[in-house]
Amino acid sequence: MLSAPQAEYTRELLSAIPRPAHLPAHGAPVAEAVRILYGGSVKSSNVAALMAKPDVDGALIGGASLDPDEFVGIVRFRMHPPELVS
């Protein structure tokens, strides 16, 4: 699970990226369609909290994908008990 400081840091970092600035040459509709993926340490124990953040659209799964049980836990993050989502 993410600690409160980690969750706040993630939220601040991602919210600091104004979406319309991503692709100014292509206009607001294209910029709004760009998805922001969190690429830090994503685990089954913190994915639900990460995905609950309004500025996180998805996650890039690295080493955790090599452990089948861990990966299944990440994929099924919506099944995590609500108390794990902070």
PDB file of N, CA and C in Angstrom:
ATOM      1  N   MET A   1       0.841  -1.164   0.000  1.00  0.00           N
ATOM      2  CA  MET A   1       0.000   0.000   0.000  1.00  0.00           C
ATOM      3  C   MET A   1       0.895   1.238   0.000  1.00  0.00           C
ATOM      4  N   LEU A   2       0.446   2.274  -0.676  1.00  0.00           N
ATOM      5  CA  LEU A   2       1.205   3.514  -0.674  1.00  0.00           C
ATOM      6  C   LEU A   2       1.070   4.205   0.670  1.00  0.00           C
ATOM      7  N   SER A   3       2.177   4.770   1.117  1.00  0.00           N
ATOM      8  CA  SER A   3       2.077   5.592   2.320  1.00  0.00           C
ATOM      9  C   SER A   3       1.409   6.899   1.921  1.00  0.00           C
ATOM     10  N   ALA A   4       0.908   7.627   2.883  1.00  0.00           N
ATOM     11  CA  ALA A   4       0.261   8.913   2.593  1.00  0.00           C
ATOM     12  C   ALA A   4       1.215   9.855   1.853  1.00  0.00           C
ATOM     13  N   PRO A   5       2.482   9.969   2.279  1.00  0.00           N
ATOM     14  CA  PRO A   5       3.397  10.845   1.536  1.00  0.00           C
ATOM     15  C   PRO A   5       3.634  10.390   0.095  1.00  0.00           C
ATOM     16  N   GLN A   6       3.724   9.065  -0.125  1.00  0.00           N
ATOM     17  CA  GLN A   6       3.919   8.561  -1.489  1.00  0.00           C
ATOM     18  C   GLN A   6       2.704   8.878  -2.354  1.00  0.00           C
ATOM     19  N   ALA A   7       1.520   8.673  -1.817  1.00  0.00           N
ATOM     20  CA  ALA A   7       0.294   8.946  -2.568  1.00  0.00           C
ATOM     21  C   ALA A   7       0.194  10.421  -2.897  1.00  0.00           C
ATOM     22  N   GLU A   8       0.500  11.275  -1.950  1.00  0.00           N
ATOM     23  CA  GLU A   8       0.424  12.721  -2.189  1.00  0.00           C
ATOM     24  C   GLU A   8       1.466  13.148  -3.215  1.00  0.00           C
ATOM     25  N   TYR A   9       2.682  12.612  -3.102  1.00  0.00           N
ATOM     26  CA  TYR A   9       3.734  12.932  -4.072  1.00  0.00           C
ATOM     27  C   TYR A   9       3.304  12.529  -5.479  1.00  0.00           C
ATOM     28  N   THR A  10       2.739  11.342  -5.613  1.00  0.00           N
ATOM     29  CA  THR A  10       2.277  10.864  -6.924  1.00  0.00           C
ATOM     30  C   THR A  10       1.202  11.781  -7.475  1.00  0.00           C
ATOM     31  N   ARG A  11       0.244  12.151  -6.635  1.00  0.00           N
ATOM     32  CA  ARG A  11      -0.836  13.029  -7.068  1.00  0.00           C
ATOM     33  C   ARG A  11      -0.284  14.391  -7.499  1.00  0.00           C
ATOM     34  N   GLU A  12       0.612  14.961  -6.699  1.00  0.00           N
ATOM     35  CA  GLU A  12       1.187  16.262  -7.021  1.00  0.00           C
ATOM     36  C   GLU A  12       1.984  16.208  -8.321  1.00  0.00           C
ATOM     37  N   LEU A  13       2.777  15.178  -8.463  1.00  0.00           N
ATOM     38  CA  LEU A  13       3.610  15.038  -9.655  1.00  0.00           C
ATOM     39  C   LEU A  13       2.756  14.956 -10.917  1.00  0.00           C
ATOM     40  N   LEU A  14       1.755  14.093 -10.892  1.00  0.00           N
ATOM     41  CA  LEU A  14       0.935  13.906 -12.084  1.00  0.00           C
ATOM     42  C   LEU A  14      -0.007  15.072 -12.343  1.00  0.00           C
ATOM     43  N   SER A  15      -0.497  15.711 -11.296  1.00  0.00           N
ATOM     44  CA  SER A  15      -1.396  16.838 -11.515  1.00  0.00           C
ATOM     45  C   SER A  15      -0.642  18.068 -12.002  1.00  0.00           C
ATOM     46  N   ALA A  16       0.683  18.070 -11.851  1.00  0.00           N
ATOM     47  CA  ALA A  16       1.492  19.195 -12.313  1.00  0.00           C
ATOM     48  C   ALA A  16       1.670  19.188 -13.829  1.00  0.00           C
ATOM     49  N   ILE A  17       1.278  18.114 -14.472  1.00  0.00           N
ATOM     50  CA  ILE A  17       1.413  18.015 -15.925  1.00  0.00           C
ATOM     51  C   ILE A  17       0.086  18.422 -16.554  1.00  0.00           C
ATOM     52  N   PRO A  18       0.001  19.648 -17.076  1.00  0.00           N
ATOM     53  CA  PRO A  18      -1.262  20.055 -17.696  1.00  0.00           C
ATOM     54  C   PRO A  18      -1.485  19.296 -18.999  1.00  0.00           C
ATOM     55  N   ARG A  19      -2.559  18.565 -19.073  1.00  0.00           N
ATOM     56  CA  ARG A  19      -2.811  17.733 -20.248  1.00  0.00           C
ATOM     57  C   ARG A  19      -2.807  18.517 -21.563  1.00  0.00           C
ATOM     58  N   PRO A  20      -3.421  19.680 -21.652  1.00  0.00           N
ATOM     59  CA  PRO A  20      -3.376  20.377 -22.932  1.00  0.00           C
ATOM     60  C   PRO A  20      -1.965  20.725 -23.399  1.00  0.00           C
ATOM     61  N   ALA A  21      -1.007  20.722 -22.487  1.00  0.00           N
ATOM     62  CA  ALA A  21       0.369  21.046 -22.879  1.00  0.00           C
ATOM     63  C   ALA A  21       1.071  19.869 -23.542  1.00  0.00           C
ATOM     64  N   HIS A  22       0.516  18.665 -23.426  1.00  0.00           N
ATOM     65  CA  HIS A  22       1.178  17.494 -23.981  1.00  0.00           C
ATOM     66  C   HIS A  22       1.363  17.583 -25.491  1.00  0.00           C
ATOM     67  N   LEU A  23       0.319  17.928 -26.183  1.00  0.00           N
ATOM     68  CA  LEU A  23       0.352  17.924 -27.645  1.00  0.00           C
ATOM     69  C   LEU A  23      -0.235  19.226 -28.211  1.00  0.00           C
ATOM     70  N   PRO A  24       0.395  20.364 -27.920  1.00  0.00           N
ATOM     71  CA  PRO A  24      -0.195  21.636 -28.340  1.00  0.00           C
ATOM     72  C   PRO A  24      -0.379  21.756 -29.852  1.00  0.00           C
ATOM     73  N   ALA A  25       0.458  21.126 -30.620  1.00  0.00           N
ATOM     74  CA  ALA A  25       0.341  21.221 -32.073  1.00  0.00           C
ATOM     75  C   ALA A  25      -0.879  20.491 -32.610  1.00  0.00           C
ATOM     76  N   HIS A  26      -1.440  19.584 -31.813  1.00  0.00           N
ATOM     77  CA  HIS A  26      -2.551  18.756 -32.269  1.00  0.00           C
ATOM     78  C   HIS A  26      -3.888  19.158 -31.669  1.00  0.00           C
ATOM     79  N   GLY A  27      -3.892  20.146 -30.776  1.00  0.00           N
ATOM     80  CA  GLY A  27      -5.134  20.646 -30.213  1.00  0.00           C
ATOM     81  C   GLY A  27      -5.574  19.934 -28.952  1.00  0.00           C
ATOM     82  N   ALA A  28      -6.547  20.554 -28.283  1.00  0.00           N
ATOM     83  CA  ALA A  28      -7.045  20.062 -27.002  1.00  0.00           C
ATOM     84  C   ALA A  28      -7.651  18.664 -27.071  1.00  0.00           C
ATOM     85  N   PRO A  29      -8.445  18.308 -28.092  1.00  0.00           N
ATOM     86  CA  PRO A  29      -9.028  16.962 -28.095  1.00  0.00           C
ATOM     87  C   PRO A  29      -7.972  15.856 -28.078  1.00  0.00           C
ATOM     88  N   VAL A  30      -6.902  16.045 -28.807  1.00  0.00           N
ATOM     89  CA  VAL A  30      -5.834  15.036 -28.828  1.00  0.00           C
ATOM     90  C   VAL A  30      -5.099  15.045 -27.493  1.00  0.00           C
ATOM     91  N   ALA A  31      -4.825  16.230 -26.967  1.00  0.00           N
ATOM     92  CA  ALA A  31      -4.124  16.325 -25.682  1.00  0.00           C
ATOM     93  C   ALA A  31      -4.938  15.679 -24.577  1.00  0.00           C
ATOM     94  N   GLU A  32      -6.237  15.872 -24.580  1.00  0.00           N
ATOM     95  CA  GLU A  32      -7.095  15.270 -23.559  1.00  0.00           C
ATOM     96  C   GLU A  32      -7.154  13.747 -23.691  1.00  0.00           C
ATOM     97  N   ALA A  33      -6.898  13.230 -24.878  1.00  0.00           N
ATOM     98  CA  ALA A  33      -6.940  11.784 -25.103  1.00  0.00           C
ATOM     99  C   ALA A  33      -5.655  11.089 -24.644  1.00  0.00           C
ATOM    100  N   VAL A  34      -4.597  11.855 -24.372  1.00  0.00           N
ATOM    101  CA  VAL A  34      -3.332  11.275 -23.919  1.00  0.00           C
ATOM    102  C   VAL A  34      -3.531  10.703 -22.518  1.00  0.00           C
ATOM    103  N   ARG A  35      -3.067   9.502 -22.303  1.00  0.00           N
ATOM    104  CA  ARG A  35      -3.200   8.831 -21.013  1.00  0.00           C
ATOM    105  C   ARG A  35      -1.878   8.904 -20.255  1.00  0.00           C
ATOM    106  N   ILE A  36      -1.977   9.191 -18.961  1.00  0.00           N
ATOM    107  CA  ILE A  36      -0.812   9.274 -18.092  1.00  0.00           C
ATOM    108  C   ILE A  36      -0.692   7.944 -17.351  1.00  0.00           C
ATOM    109  N   LEU A  37       0.431   7.264 -17.550  1.00  0.00           N
ATOM    110  CA  LEU A  37       0.667   5.969 -16.912  1.00  0.00           C
ATOM    111  C   LEU A  37       1.706   6.124 -15.815  1.00  0.00           C
ATOM    112  N   TYR A  38       1.402   5.577 -14.659  1.00  0.00           N
ATOM    113  CA  TYR A  38       2.343   5.587 -13.546  1.00  0.00           C
ATOM    114  C   TYR A  38       3.353   4.467 -13.782  1.00  0.00           C
ATOM    115  N   GLY A  39       4.617   4.770 -13.702  1.00  0.00           N
ATOM    116  CA  GLY A  39       5.643   3.780 -13.981  1.00  0.00           C
ATOM    117  C   GLY A  39       6.576   3.522 -12.824  1.00  0.00           C
ATOM    118  N   GLY A  40       6.147   3.863 -11.620  1.00  0.00           N
ATOM    119  CA  GLY A  40       6.975   3.603 -10.443  1.00  0.00           C
ATOM    120  C   GLY A  40       6.834   2.156 -10.010  1.00  0.00           C
ATOM    121  N   SER A  41       7.017   1.932  -8.752  1.00  0.00           N
ATOM    122  CA  SER A  41       6.934   0.578  -8.206  1.00  0.00           C
ATOM    123  C   SER A  41       5.471   0.196  -8.021  1.00  0.00           C
ATOM    124  N   VAL A  42       4.921  -0.524  -8.983  1.00  0.00           N
ATOM    125  CA  VAL A  42       3.527  -0.948  -8.932  1.00  0.00           C
ATOM    126  C   VAL A  42       3.478  -2.386  -8.437  1.00  0.00           C
ATOM    127  N   LYS A  43       2.720  -2.590  -7.362  1.00  0.00           N
ATOM    128  CA  LYS A  43       2.571  -3.920  -6.759  1.00  0.00           C
ATOM    129  C   LYS A  43       1.096  -4.170  -6.504  1.00  0.00           C
ATOM    130  N   SER A  44       0.751  -5.408  -6.246  1.00  0.00           N
ATOM    131  CA  SER A  44      -0.643  -5.717  -5.930  1.00  0.00           C
ATOM    132  C   SER A  44      -1.084  -4.995  -4.665  1.00  0.00           C
ATOM    133  N   SER A  45      -0.149  -4.693  -3.790  1.00  0.00           N
ATOM    134  CA  SER A  45      -0.485  -4.026  -2.531  1.00  0.00           C
ATOM    135  C   SER A  45      -0.705  -2.523  -2.674  1.00  0.00           C
ATOM    136  N   ASN A  46      -0.263  -1.905  -3.789  1.00  0.00           N
ATOM    137  CA  ASN A  46      -0.453  -0.460  -3.925  1.00  0.00           C
ATOM    138  C   ASN A  46      -1.201  -0.044  -5.189  1.00  0.00           C
ATOM    139  N   VAL A  47      -1.508  -0.976  -6.076  1.00  0.00           N
ATOM    140  CA  VAL A  47      -2.120  -0.603  -7.356  1.00  0.00           C
ATOM    141  C   VAL A  47      -3.500   0.025  -7.177  1.00  0.00           C
ATOM    142  N   ALA A  48      -4.291  -0.466  -6.244  1.00  0.00           N
ATOM    143  CA  ALA A  48      -5.627   0.100  -6.049  1.00  0.00           C
ATOM    144  C   ALA A  48      -5.543   1.560  -5.611  1.00  0.00           C
ATOM    145  N   ALA A  49      -4.625   1.864  -4.707  1.00  0.00           N
ATOM    146  CA  ALA A  49      -4.452   3.247  -4.256  1.00  0.00           C
ATOM    147  C   ALA A  49      -3.946   4.136  -5.387  1.00  0.00           C
ATOM    148  N   LEU A  50      -3.032   3.627  -6.197  1.00  0.00           N
ATOM    149  CA  LEU A  50      -2.531   4.406  -7.332  1.00  0.00           C
ATOM    150  C   LEU A  50      -3.633   4.687  -8.341  1.00  0.00           C
ATOM    151  N   MET A  51      -4.393   3.663  -8.679  1.00  0.00           N
ATOM    152  CA  MET A  51      -5.426   3.816  -9.703  1.00  0.00           C
ATOM    153  C   MET A  51      -6.597   4.662  -9.215  1.00  0.00           C
ATOM    154  N   ALA A  52      -6.712   4.863  -7.910  1.00  0.00           N
ATOM    155  CA  ALA A  52      -7.766   5.719  -7.365  1.00  0.00           C
ATOM    156  C   ALA A  52      -7.449   7.194  -7.548  1.00  0.00           C
ATOM    157  N   LYS A  53      -6.212   7.518  -7.882  1.00  0.00           N
ATOM    158  CA  LYS A  53      -5.819   8.912  -8.074  1.00  0.00           C
ATOM    159  C   LYS A  53      -6.405   9.441  -9.379  1.00  0.00           C
ATOM    160  N   PRO A  54      -6.992  10.632  -9.359  1.00  0.00           N
ATOM    161  CA  PRO A  54      -7.665  11.149 -10.552  1.00  0.00           C
ATOM    162  C   PRO A  54      -6.736  11.407 -11.733  1.00  0.00           C
ATOM    163  N   ASP A  55      -5.453  11.630 -11.473  1.00  0.00           N
ATOM    164  CA  ASP A  55      -4.530  11.940 -12.564  1.00  0.00           C
ATOM    165  C   ASP A  55      -3.759  10.734 -13.073  1.00  0.00           C
ATOM    166  N   VAL A  56      -4.086   9.549 -12.587  1.00  0.00           N
ATOM    167  CA  VAL A  56      -3.425   8.324 -13.041  1.00  0.00           C
ATOM    168  C   VAL A  56      -4.408   7.553 -13.909  1.00  0.00           C
ATOM    169  N   ASP A  57      -4.042   7.354 -15.168  1.00  0.00           N
ATOM    170  CA  ASP A  57      -4.911   6.648 -16.111  1.00  0.00           C
ATOM    171  C   ASP A  57      -4.569   5.172 -16.252  1.00  0.00           C
ATOM    172  N   GLY A  58      -3.390   4.791 -15.810  1.00  0.00           N
ATOM    173  CA  GLY A  58      -2.970   3.406 -15.947  1.00  0.00           C
ATOM    174  C   GLY A  58      -1.608   3.225 -15.312  1.00  0.00           C
ATOM    175  N   ALA A  59      -1.059   2.028 -15.436  1.00  0.00           N
ATOM    176  CA  ALA A  59       0.231   1.730 -14.830  1.00  0.00           C
ATOM    177  C   ALA A  59       1.067   0.881 -15.777  1.00  0.00           C
ATOM    178  N   LEU A  60       2.353   1.124 -15.733  1.00  0.00           N
ATOM    179  CA  LEU A  60       3.308   0.283 -16.456  1.00  0.00           C
ATOM    180  C   LEU A  60       3.852  -0.719 -15.453  1.00  0.00           C
ATOM    181  N   ILE A  61       3.652  -1.982 -15.724  1.00  0.00           N
ATOM    182  CA  ILE A  61       4.068  -3.019 -14.785  1.00  0.00           C
ATOM    183  C   ILE A  61       5.413  -3.585 -15.233  1.00  0.00           C
ATOM    184  N   GLY A  62       6.369  -3.520 -14.347  1.00  0.00           N
ATOM    185  CA  GLY A  62       7.708  -4.014 -14.667  1.00  0.00           C
ATOM    186  C   GLY A  62       7.955  -5.384 -14.074  1.00  0.00           C
ATOM    187  N   GLY A  63       8.876  -5.439 -13.126  1.00  0.00           N
ATOM    188  CA  GLY A  63       9.292  -6.697 -12.530  1.00  0.00           C
ATOM    189  C   GLY A  63       8.170  -7.488 -11.879  1.00  0.00           C
ATOM    190  N   ALA A  64       7.140  -6.802 -11.401  1.00  0.00           N
ATOM    191  CA  ALA A  64       6.021  -7.510 -10.764  1.00  0.00           C
ATOM    192  C   ALA A  64       5.321  -8.438 -11.748  1.00  0.00           C
ATOM    193  N   SER A  65       5.467  -8.170 -13.040  1.00  0.00           N
ATOM    194  CA  SER A  65       4.816  -9.026 -14.040  1.00  0.00           C
ATOM    195  C   SER A  65       5.513 -10.385 -14.170  1.00  0.00           C
ATOM    196  N   LEU A  66       6.703 -10.510 -13.604  1.00  0.00           N
ATOM    197  CA  LEU A  66       7.439 -11.774 -13.687  1.00  0.00           C
ATOM    198  C   LEU A  66       6.976 -12.783 -12.641  1.00  0.00           C
ATOM    199  N   ASP A  67       6.251 -12.303 -11.640  1.00  0.00           N
ATOM    200  CA  ASP A  67       5.709 -13.165 -10.592  1.00  0.00           C
ATOM    201  C   ASP A  67       4.220 -13.355 -10.891  1.00  0.00           C
ATOM    202  N   PRO A  68       3.813 -14.536 -11.327  1.00  0.00           N
ATOM    203  CA  PRO A  68       2.417 -14.746 -11.736  1.00  0.00           C
ATOM    204  C   PRO A  68       1.391 -14.341 -10.680  1.00  0.00           C
ATOM    205  N   ASP A  69       1.628 -14.676  -9.422  1.00  0.00           N
ATOM    206  CA  ASP A  69       0.673 -14.330  -8.370  1.00  0.00           C
ATOM    207  C   ASP A  69       0.581 -12.816  -8.175  1.00  0.00           C
ATOM    208  N   GLU A  70       1.721 -12.169  -8.209  1.00  0.00           N
ATOM    209  CA  GLU A  70       1.759 -10.708  -8.063  1.00  0.00           C
ATOM    210  C   GLU A  70       1.052 -10.039  -9.244  1.00  0.00           C
ATOM    211  N   PHE A  71       1.315 -10.527 -10.432  1.00  0.00           N
ATOM    212  CA  PHE A  71       0.714  -9.940 -11.625  1.00  0.00           C
ATOM    213  C   PHE A  71      -0.806 -10.106 -11.621  1.00  0.00           C
ATOM    214  N   VAL A  72      -1.276 -11.280 -11.243  1.00  0.00           N
ATOM    215  CA  VAL A  72      -2.722 -11.505 -11.160  1.00  0.00           C
ATOM    216  C   VAL A  72      -3.335 -10.552 -10.128  1.00  0.00           C
ATOM    217  N   GLY A  73      -2.643 -10.334  -9.022  1.00  0.00           N
ATOM    218  CA  GLY A  73      -3.125  -9.393  -8.013  1.00  0.00           C
ATOM    219  C   GLY A  73      -3.236  -7.980  -8.549  1.00  0.00           C
ATOM    220  N   ILE A  74      -2.309  -7.594  -9.414  1.00  0.00           N
ATOM    221  CA  ILE A  74      -2.353  -6.263 -10.031  1.00  0.00           C
ATOM    222  C   ILE A  74      -3.505  -6.182 -11.017  1.00  0.00           C
ATOM    223  N   VAL A  75      -3.616  -7.179 -11.861  1.00  0.00           N
ATOM    224  CA  VAL A  75      -4.678  -7.181 -12.876  1.00  0.00           C
ATOM    225  C   VAL A  75      -6.058  -7.136 -12.227  1.00  0.00           C
ATOM    226  N   ARG A  76      -6.190  -7.782 -11.103  1.00  0.00           N
ATOM    227  CA  ARG A  76      -7.485  -7.852 -10.414  1.00  0.00           C
ATOM    228  C   ARG A  76      -7.610  -6.787  -9.324  1.00  0.00           C
ATOM    229  N   PHE A  77      -6.939  -5.656  -9.489  1.00  0.00           N
ATOM    230  CA  PHE A  77      -6.903  -4.657  -8.431  1.00  0.00           C
ATOM    231  C   PHE A  77      -8.276  -4.164  -8.015  1.00  0.00           C
ATOM    232  N   ARG A  78      -9.246  -4.186  -8.897  1.00  0.00           N
ATOM    233  CA  ARG A  78     -10.586  -3.704  -8.540  1.00  0.00           C
ATOM    234  C   ARG A  78     -11.265  -4.627  -7.529  1.00  0.00           C
ATOM    235  N   MET A  79     -10.725  -5.799  -7.344  1.00  0.00           N
ATOM    236  CA  MET A  79     -11.290  -6.743  -6.375  1.00  0.00           C
ATOM    237  C   MET A  79     -10.703  -6.539  -4.977  1.00  0.00           C
ATOM    238  N   HIS A  80      -9.709  -5.644  -4.851  1.00  0.00           N
ATOM    239  CA  HIS A  80      -9.077  -5.417  -3.560  1.00  0.00           C
ATOM    240  C   HIS A  80     -10.082  -4.801  -2.597  1.00  0.00           C
ATOM    241  N   PRO A  81     -10.007  -5.165  -1.338  1.00  0.00           N
ATOM    242  CA  PRO A  81     -10.916  -4.579  -0.347  1.00  0.00           C
ATOM    243  C   PRO A  81     -10.781  -3.060  -0.299  1.00  0.00           C
ATOM    244  N   PRO A  82     -11.901  -2.345  -0.106  1.00  0.00           N
ATOM    245  CA  PRO A  82     -11.872  -0.875  -0.099  1.00  0.00           C
ATOM    246  C   PRO A  82     -10.884  -0.281   0.909  1.00  0.00           C
ATOM    247  N   GLU A  83     -10.631  -0.980   2.021  1.00  0.00           N
ATOM    248  CA  GLU A  83      -9.708  -0.421   3.013  1.00  0.00           C
ATOM    249  C   GLU A  83      -8.280  -0.323   2.491  1.00  0.00           C
ATOM    250  N   LEU A  84      -7.959  -1.012   1.397  1.00  0.00           N
ATOM    251  CA  LEU A  84      -6.617  -0.906   0.817  1.00  0.00           C
ATOM    252  C   LEU A  84      -6.474   0.318  -0.066  1.00  0.00           C
ATOM    253  N   VAL A  85      -7.561   0.931  -0.444  1.00  0.00           N
ATOM    254  CA  VAL A  85      -7.512   2.122  -1.289  1.00  0.00           C
ATOM    255  C   VAL A  85      -7.498   3.334  -0.389  1.00  0.00           C
ATOM    256  N   SER A  86      -6.400   4.082  -0.447  1.00  0.00           N
ATOM    257  CA  SER A  86      -6.304   5.267   0.404  1.00  0.00           C
ATOM    258  C   SER A  86      -6.466   6.528  -0.400  1.00  0.00           C
TER     259      SER A  86
END
